[in-house]
Amino acid sequence: MKKPKLPPKLAKPLKRAVDLPVWADLGLRLGGAFALVMLVVLLHWIDRDGLKDTHDGTVSFLDVFYFTMISITTTGFGDIAPVSDKSRLIEAVIVTPIRFAVIFIFVGTAYNYFIKHSWESWRMKRIQERLSDHVVVLGFGVSGSQAVQELIARGTDPACIVVVDPSAGRLRHAEQQGCNVLEGDATRDETLAAVRIDAARTILVSAGRDDTSILIVLTARHLAPGVPITVVVRADDNELLARQAGADNVINPVRFTGLLLAGSAEGQHIAEYMSDLASVDGRVQLVERPVRPEEVGKSLDQLATGKGVRIYRGEQCIGFWEPGAKVLEPGDVIVEIAVTP
């Protein structure tokens, strides 16, 4: 039975990496502030003879602790005050800088965990709500990470790439490249809806397991009927299942490796050239693009931008040697070999 289409939800916010866990960072800040306060208590206790208590004339440890706290917080009721030159010098030279340090620690903590966190959460939700024409990468293993690196090398803005993966460790690498990330299960509707998959430019699926990848394709196709989906599968008999699930392109790295090996057996430069075509770092690269208005009516071998090798005309695939390549028509999609800029 066909699953009902769910409206896009923002069930989970996009995230950014932090160097320390929140609890550890907060603990270090509070621990540092407490250590500074206790240092001031110790200094006041050692120099308690330089303090005067106008209430009972004696300065106990409780009085020292009380004086430290009102002094650090700059409250100052005046009931206990430094009267000796030594005490006043300690207050001016040592306690005052510590007072500022403690205040900065608390203000910085409040900023990081309340103001900044609230601002960052609001900003990321705004980004999430406005996601459009972005690339969604579902799975950031070996294939997914290589795909992201290649996309960025080809000029794709990392801010237009959203990576979804269940591993926080892998997502940290994606964040370091400037991508938006979401930790979650890409087989779930709410996860894909949270990254507005229906508004994406393209979807790349590489979950590491064929069964998981095919299930992700099925879920993604259900939520995004018109978005192109490319999936990586490793077993030949799963390629048909991936296409039936809704994938537009199915890549089998095992098959591709076999093609490179077989090509190498026919000549030592074939594998090198195929790798050159596939990478933006090579001297040439394969480019797919729609025919331009000024190219309509010309033949495929008259392209000024590169060497045309194939035309996709509706459901028809036309090679450069076939009669259909003699005249380019509106709506044609061209695959050409172009020189790397």
Protein backbone atom coordinates (compact mmCIF):
# COMPACT_ATOMS: atom_id res chain seq x y z
CA MET A 1 0.00 0.00 0.00
CA LYS A 2 1.36 3.42 -0.91
CA LYS A 3 2.41 5.49 2.06
CA PRO A 4 0.66 8.87 2.44
CA LYS A 5 2.91 11.79 1.67
CA LEU A 6 3.86 13.73 4.76
CA PRO A 7 4.24 17.52 4.74
CA PRO A 8 7.83 18.76 5.22
CA LYS A 9 8.67 18.90 8.91
CA LEU A 10 11.59 20.41 10.79
CA ALA A 11 11.69 17.66 13.38
CA LYS A 12 15.46 17.88 13.80
CA PRO A 13 17.67 20.97 13.47
CA LEU A 14 20.86 21.08 11.49
CA LYS A 15 23.95 20.98 13.68
CA ARG A 16 27.42 22.44 13.93
CA ALA A 17 30.37 20.76 15.57
CA VAL A 18 31.82 21.85 18.92
CA ASP A 19 35.33 21.07 20.13
CA LEU A 20 34.11 19.86 23.56
CA PRO A 21 30.86 18.30 24.71
CA VAL A 22 28.51 20.88 26.18
CA TRP A 23 28.70 19.41 29.68
CA ALA A 24 32.51 19.35 29.61
CA ASP A 25 32.80 22.94 28.41
CA LEU A 26 30.30 24.13 31.01
CA GLY A 27 32.09 22.18 33.73
CA LEU A 28 35.45 23.72 32.82
CA ARG A 29 34.00 27.24 32.88
CA LEU A 30 32.26 26.82 36.22
CA GLY A 31 35.25 25.00 37.66
CA GLY A 32 37.55 27.85 36.63
CA ALA A 33 35.24 30.44 38.17
CA PHE A 34 34.98 28.43 41.41
CA ALA A 35 38.78 28.07 41.59
CA LEU A 36 39.24 31.84 41.22
CA VAL A 37 36.65 32.55 43.91
CA MET A 38 38.35 30.13 46.32
CA LEU A 39 41.70 31.78 45.57
CA VAL A 40 40.26 35.13 46.62
CA VAL A 41 38.77 33.53 49.76
CA LEU A 42 42.23 32.18 50.60
CA LEU A 43 43.87 35.57 50.07
CA HIS A 44 41.27 37.31 52.24
CA TRP A 45 41.62 34.67 54.96
CA ILE A 46 45.40 35.03 55.04
CA ASP A 47 45.05 38.83 55.23
CA ARG A 48 41.97 38.86 57.49
CA ASP A 49 43.75 41.17 59.97
CA GLY A 50 43.56 43.90 57.32
CA LEU A 51 39.76 43.65 57.19
CA LYS A 52 37.35 45.40 59.53
CA ASP A 53 33.90 44.13 60.41
CA THR A 54 31.71 47.04 61.55
CA HIS A 55 29.10 44.63 62.90
CA ASP A 56 30.96 42.76 65.68
CA GLY A 57 34.60 43.72 65.18
CA THR A 58 35.79 40.16 64.46
CA VAL A 59 36.42 38.58 61.05
CA SER A 60 35.54 34.88 60.93
CA PHE A 61 35.89 32.50 58.00
CA LEU A 62 32.20 33.00 57.24
CA ASP A 63 32.82 36.76 57.20
CA VAL A 64 35.75 36.24 54.79
CA PHE A 65 33.64 34.08 52.49
CA TYR A 66 30.78 36.60 52.66
CA PHE A 67 33.12 39.52 51.93
CA THR A 68 34.66 37.63 49.00
CA MET A 69 31.32 36.96 47.40
CA ILE A 70 30.00 40.51 47.69
CA SER A 71 33.38 41.83 46.57
CA ILE A 72 33.57 39.53 43.53
CA THR A 73 30.03 40.46 42.51
CA THR A 74 30.79 44.16 43.10
CA THR A 75 27.80 44.44 45.46
CA GLY A 76 29.69 45.97 48.39
CA PHE A 77 27.48 46.68 51.42
CA GLY A 78 30.31 48.34 53.35
CA ASP A 79 29.87 46.27 56.53
CA ILE A 80 33.26 44.62 55.93
CA ALA A 81 36.04 46.65 54.31
CA PRO A 82 39.80 46.52 53.80
CA VAL A 83 41.45 49.06 56.11
CA SER A 84 45.18 48.30 55.94
CA ASP A 85 47.40 49.39 53.07
CA LYS A 86 48.32 45.77 52.40
CA SER A 87 44.66 44.70 52.15
CA ARG A 88 43.82 47.57 49.84
CA LEU A 89 46.82 46.74 47.65
CA ILE A 90 45.67 43.10 47.44
CA GLU A 91 42.17 44.28 46.47
CA ALA A 92 43.49 46.61 43.78
CA VAL A 93 46.24 44.46 42.26
CA ILE A 94 45.03 40.87 42.72
CA VAL A 95 41.33 40.71 43.57
CA THR A 96 40.13 43.25 40.99
CA PRO A 97 41.61 41.39 37.98
CA ILE A 98 40.18 38.13 39.38
CA ARG A 99 36.82 39.87 39.79
CA PHE A 100 36.84 40.84 36.11
CA ALA A 101 37.91 37.32 35.12
CA VAL A 102 35.04 35.74 37.06
CA ILE A 103 32.54 38.19 35.58
CA PHE A 104 33.83 37.50 32.06
CA ILE A 105 33.57 33.73 32.66
CA PHE A 106 29.93 33.99 33.74
CA VAL A 107 29.03 36.48 31.02
CA GLY A 108 30.81 34.33 28.40
CA THR A 109 29.04 31.23 29.66
CA ALA A 110 25.67 32.95 29.54
CA TYR A 111 26.43 34.15 26.01
CA ASN A 112 27.56 30.74 24.75
CA TYR A 113 24.82 28.65 26.32
CA PHE A 114 21.86 30.98 26.13
CA ILE A 115 22.26 33.91 23.77
CA LYS A 116 24.60 32.32 21.21
CA HIS A 117 22.89 28.91 21.40
CA SER A 118 19.47 30.47 20.91
CA TRP A 119 20.75 32.61 18.05
CA GLU A 120 22.50 29.67 16.39
CA SER A 121 19.44 27.45 16.73
CA TRP A 122 17.22 30.17 15.26
CA ARG A 123 19.68 30.80 12.41
CA MET A 124 20.01 27.11 11.54
CA LYS A 125 16.23 26.70 11.56
CA ARG A 126 15.96 29.64 9.18
CA ILE A 127 18.55 28.03 6.89
CA GLN A 128 16.66 24.75 7.13
CA GLU A 129 13.37 26.38 6.26
CA ARG A 130 14.88 28.09 3.21
CA LEU A 131 16.74 25.08 1.82
CA SER A 132 16.16 24.93 -1.92
CA ASP A 133 18.06 23.68 -4.95
CA HIS A 134 20.53 21.96 -2.63
CA VAL A 135 22.40 18.67 -2.91
CA VAL A 136 21.38 16.05 -0.36
CA VAL A 137 24.01 13.41 0.40
CA LEU A 138 22.55 10.45 2.28
CA GLY A 139 25.48 8.56 3.78
CA PHE A 140 28.94 9.97 4.38
CA GLY A 141 31.11 6.91 4.11
CA VAL A 142 33.94 6.50 1.60
CA SER A 143 31.78 7.10 -1.50
CA GLY A 144 29.71 9.89 0.05
CA SER A 145 32.72 11.80 1.35
CA GLN A 146 34.51 11.50 -2.00
CA ALA A 147 31.38 12.75 -3.77
CA VAL A 148 31.23 15.81 -1.51
CA GLN A 149 34.91 16.58 -2.07
CA GLU A 150 34.42 16.32 -5.84
CA LEU A 151 31.30 18.51 -5.75
CA ILE A 152 33.17 21.21 -3.85
CA ALA A 153 36.13 20.93 -6.23
CA ARG A 154 33.71 21.38 -9.15
CA GLY A 155 32.50 24.66 -7.65
CA THR A 156 29.46 23.66 -5.59
CA ASP A 157 29.06 25.89 -2.54
CA PRO A 158 29.40 23.69 0.60
CA ALA A 159 26.54 25.68 2.12
CA CYS A 160 24.32 24.15 -0.60
CA ILE A 161 25.22 20.61 0.45
CA VAL A 162 23.31 18.79 3.20
CA VAL A 163 24.80 15.57 4.57
CA VAL A 164 22.68 13.07 6.50
CA ASP A 165 24.38 10.23 8.38
CA PRO A 166 23.80 8.36 11.66
CA SER A 167 27.47 8.76 12.69
CA ALA A 168 28.41 11.96 14.53
CA GLY A 169 32.08 11.23 13.85
CA ARG A 170 31.63 11.17 10.08
CA LEU A 171 29.45 14.26 10.19
CA ARG A 172 32.24 16.22 11.88
CA HIS A 173 34.34 15.75 8.74
CA ALA A 174 31.46 17.05 6.62
CA GLU A 175 31.11 20.09 8.90
CA GLN A 176 34.80 20.84 8.56
CA GLN A 177 34.24 21.14 4.81
CA GLY A 178 31.48 23.69 5.39
CA CYS A 179 28.47 21.44 4.73
CA ASN A 180 25.20 21.46 6.65
CA VAL A 181 24.75 18.18 8.49
CA LEU A 182 21.95 16.26 10.15
CA GLU A 183 22.50 13.22 12.35
CA GLY A 184 19.70 10.77 11.71
CA ASP A 185 18.32 7.72 9.93
CA ALA A 186 17.83 8.49 6.23
CA THR A 187 15.29 5.68 5.89
CA ARG A 188 12.83 7.68 8.02
CA ASP A 189 10.35 10.09 6.45
CA GLU A 190 10.82 12.74 9.14
CA THR A 191 14.59 12.82 8.64
CA LEU A 192 14.35 13.42 4.90
CA ALA A 193 11.49 15.87 5.32
CA ALA A 194 13.64 17.84 7.79
CA VAL A 195 16.20 18.55 5.05
CA ARG A 196 13.45 19.52 2.59
CA ILE A 197 14.35 16.74 0.23
CA ASP A 198 11.44 17.59 -2.07
CA ALA A 199 13.11 20.96 -2.85
CA ALA A 200 16.57 19.47 -3.51
CA ARG A 201 18.46 19.73 -6.79
CA THR A 202 19.67 16.14 -6.60
CA ILE A 203 19.97 13.28 -4.11
CA LEU A 204 23.07 11.12 -3.71
CA VAL A 205 22.67 7.87 -1.78
CA SER A 206 25.55 5.80 -0.43
CA ALA A 207 24.62 4.05 2.80
CA GLY A 208 27.29 1.35 2.67
CA ARG A 209 24.78 -1.52 2.43
CA ASP A 210 22.69 -2.24 -0.65
CA ASP A 211 19.53 -3.03 1.30
CA THR A 212 19.76 0.19 3.30
CA SER A 213 20.56 2.25 0.20
CA ILE A 214 17.57 0.81 -1.69
CA LEU A 215 15.25 1.51 1.25
CA ILE A 216 16.55 5.10 1.38
CA VAL A 217 15.90 5.46 -2.36
CA LEU A 218 12.36 4.17 -1.88
CA THR A 219 11.72 6.65 0.95
CA ALA A 220 13.32 9.55 -0.92
CA ARG A 221 11.37 8.85 -4.11
CA HIS A 222 8.14 8.76 -2.10
CA LEU A 223 8.87 12.22 -0.63
CA ALA A 224 10.52 13.76 -3.69
CA PRO A 225 8.92 12.36 -6.87
CA GLY A 226 10.64 14.78 -9.25
CA VAL A 227 14.15 14.99 -7.80
CA PRO A 228 16.94 13.00 -9.53
CA ILE A 229 18.36 10.23 -7.35
CA THR A 230 21.73 8.56 -7.76
CA VAL A 231 22.55 5.51 -5.64
CA VAL A 232 25.61 3.32 -5.10
CA VAL A 233 25.03 -0.46 -4.99
CA ARG A 234 27.66 -3.17 -5.00
CA ALA A 235 25.79 -6.29 -6.07
CA ASP A 236 24.75 -6.71 -9.72
CA ASP A 237 21.38 -8.22 -8.85
CA ASN A 238 20.51 -5.17 -6.73
CA GLU A 239 20.85 -2.71 -9.61
CA LEU A 240 17.40 -3.56 -10.96
CA LEU A 241 15.90 -3.30 -7.47
CA ALA A 242 17.46 0.14 -7.03
CA ARG A 243 15.93 1.33 -10.31
CA GLN A 244 12.56 -0.13 -9.37
CA ALA A 245 12.79 1.72 -6.05
CA GLY A 246 13.06 4.98 -8.00
CA ALA A 247 16.76 5.63 -8.65
CA ASP A 248 17.54 7.53 -11.85
CA ASN A 249 21.21 6.53 -11.82
CA VAL A 250 22.72 3.40 -10.32
CA ILE A 251 26.48 3.24 -9.82
CA ASN A 252 28.20 -0.05 -9.17
CA PRO A 253 31.77 0.62 -8.01
CA VAL A 254 32.66 -3.05 -8.33
CA ARG A 255 31.53 -3.09 -11.96
CA PHE A 256 33.32 0.21 -12.66
CA THR A 257 36.53 -1.15 -11.15
CA GLY A 258 36.21 -4.19 -13.37
CA LEU A 259 35.83 -1.95 -16.42
CA LEU A 260 39.00 -0.08 -15.48
CA LEU A 261 40.89 -3.33 -15.02
CA ALA A 262 39.66 -4.68 -18.33
CA GLY A 263 40.54 -1.42 -20.05
CA SER A 264 44.04 -1.57 -18.59
CA ALA A 265 44.47 -5.00 -20.15
CA GLU A 266 43.86 -3.43 -23.57
CA GLY A 267 46.18 -0.49 -23.04
CA GLN A 268 48.10 1.10 -20.19
CA HIS A 269 46.56 4.58 -20.64
CA ILE A 270 42.84 3.71 -20.83
CA ALA A 271 42.26 3.54 -17.04
CA GLU A 272 44.20 6.76 -16.56
CA TYR A 273 42.09 8.57 -19.13
CA MET A 274 38.82 7.29 -17.63
CA SER A 275 39.92 8.52 -14.21
CA ASP A 276 40.90 11.81 -15.82
CA LEU A 277 37.39 12.16 -17.27
CA ALA A 278 35.72 11.40 -13.94
CA SER A 279 37.66 13.87 -11.80
CA VAL A 280 37.65 17.65 -11.81
CA ASP A 281 41.37 17.54 -11.11
CA GLY A 282 42.05 15.95 -14.51
CA ARG A 283 42.90 17.77 -17.72
CA VAL A 284 39.47 17.01 -19.17
CA GLN A 285 36.10 16.13 -17.69
CA LEU A 286 32.72 14.82 -18.77
CA VAL A 287 30.02 17.47 -18.71
CA GLU A 288 26.26 17.00 -19.09
CA ARG A 289 24.25 20.06 -20.05
CA PRO A 290 21.19 21.12 -22.06
CA VAL A 291 21.68 22.27 -25.63
CA ARG A 292 22.04 26.03 -25.99
CA PRO A 293 19.78 28.07 -28.30
CA GLU A 294 22.69 29.04 -30.54
CA GLU A 295 23.63 25.35 -30.96
CA VAL A 296 20.23 24.21 -32.21
CA GLY A 297 20.52 23.12 -35.85
CA LYS A 298 24.23 22.41 -35.64
CA SER A 299 25.78 18.95 -35.48
CA LEU A 300 27.23 17.44 -32.32
CA ASP A 301 30.80 17.75 -33.62
CA GLN A 302 30.41 21.53 -34.03
CA LEU A 303 30.28 22.32 -30.32
CA ALA A 304 32.57 25.19 -29.35
CA THR A 305 32.76 24.14 -25.69
CA GLY A 306 34.15 20.64 -26.08
CA LYS A 307 33.93 17.32 -27.85
CA GLY A 308 30.33 16.08 -27.99
CA VAL A 309 30.04 12.34 -27.47
CA ARG A 310 26.35 11.67 -26.82
CA ILE A 311 22.86 13.18 -27.08
CA TYR A 312 19.87 12.30 -24.92
CA ARG A 313 16.70 13.16 -26.81
CA GLY A 314 13.72 12.13 -24.71
CA GLU A 315 14.11 8.39 -24.16
CA GLN A 316 16.55 8.09 -27.06
CA CYS A 317 20.32 7.84 -26.61
CA ILE A 318 22.26 9.01 -29.70
CA GLY A 319 25.98 8.48 -30.21
CA PHE A 320 28.21 10.99 -32.03
CA TRP A 321 28.46 8.61 -35.05
CA GLU A 322 24.71 8.18 -35.51
CA PRO A 323 22.58 10.18 -37.97
CA GLY A 324 20.59 11.84 -35.15
CA ALA A 325 23.75 13.64 -34.04
CA LYS A 326 23.89 15.62 -37.29
CA VAL A 327 21.27 18.12 -36.10
CA LEU A 328 20.83 19.28 -32.50
CA GLU A 329 17.24 19.90 -31.46
CA PRO A 330 15.63 21.97 -28.67
CA GLY A 331 15.41 19.95 -25.45
CA ASP A 332 18.46 17.81 -26.23
CA VAL A 333 20.81 16.97 -23.36
CA ILE A 334 24.44 16.85 -24.43
CA VAL A 335 27.29 14.88 -22.89
CA GLU A 336 30.63 16.32 -23.93
CA ILE A 337 34.30 16.11 -23.07
CA ALA A 338 35.37 19.58 -22.01
CA VAL A 339 38.76 20.98 -21.06
CA THR A 340 39.08 21.55 -17.31
CA PRO A 341 39.11 25.31 -16.62
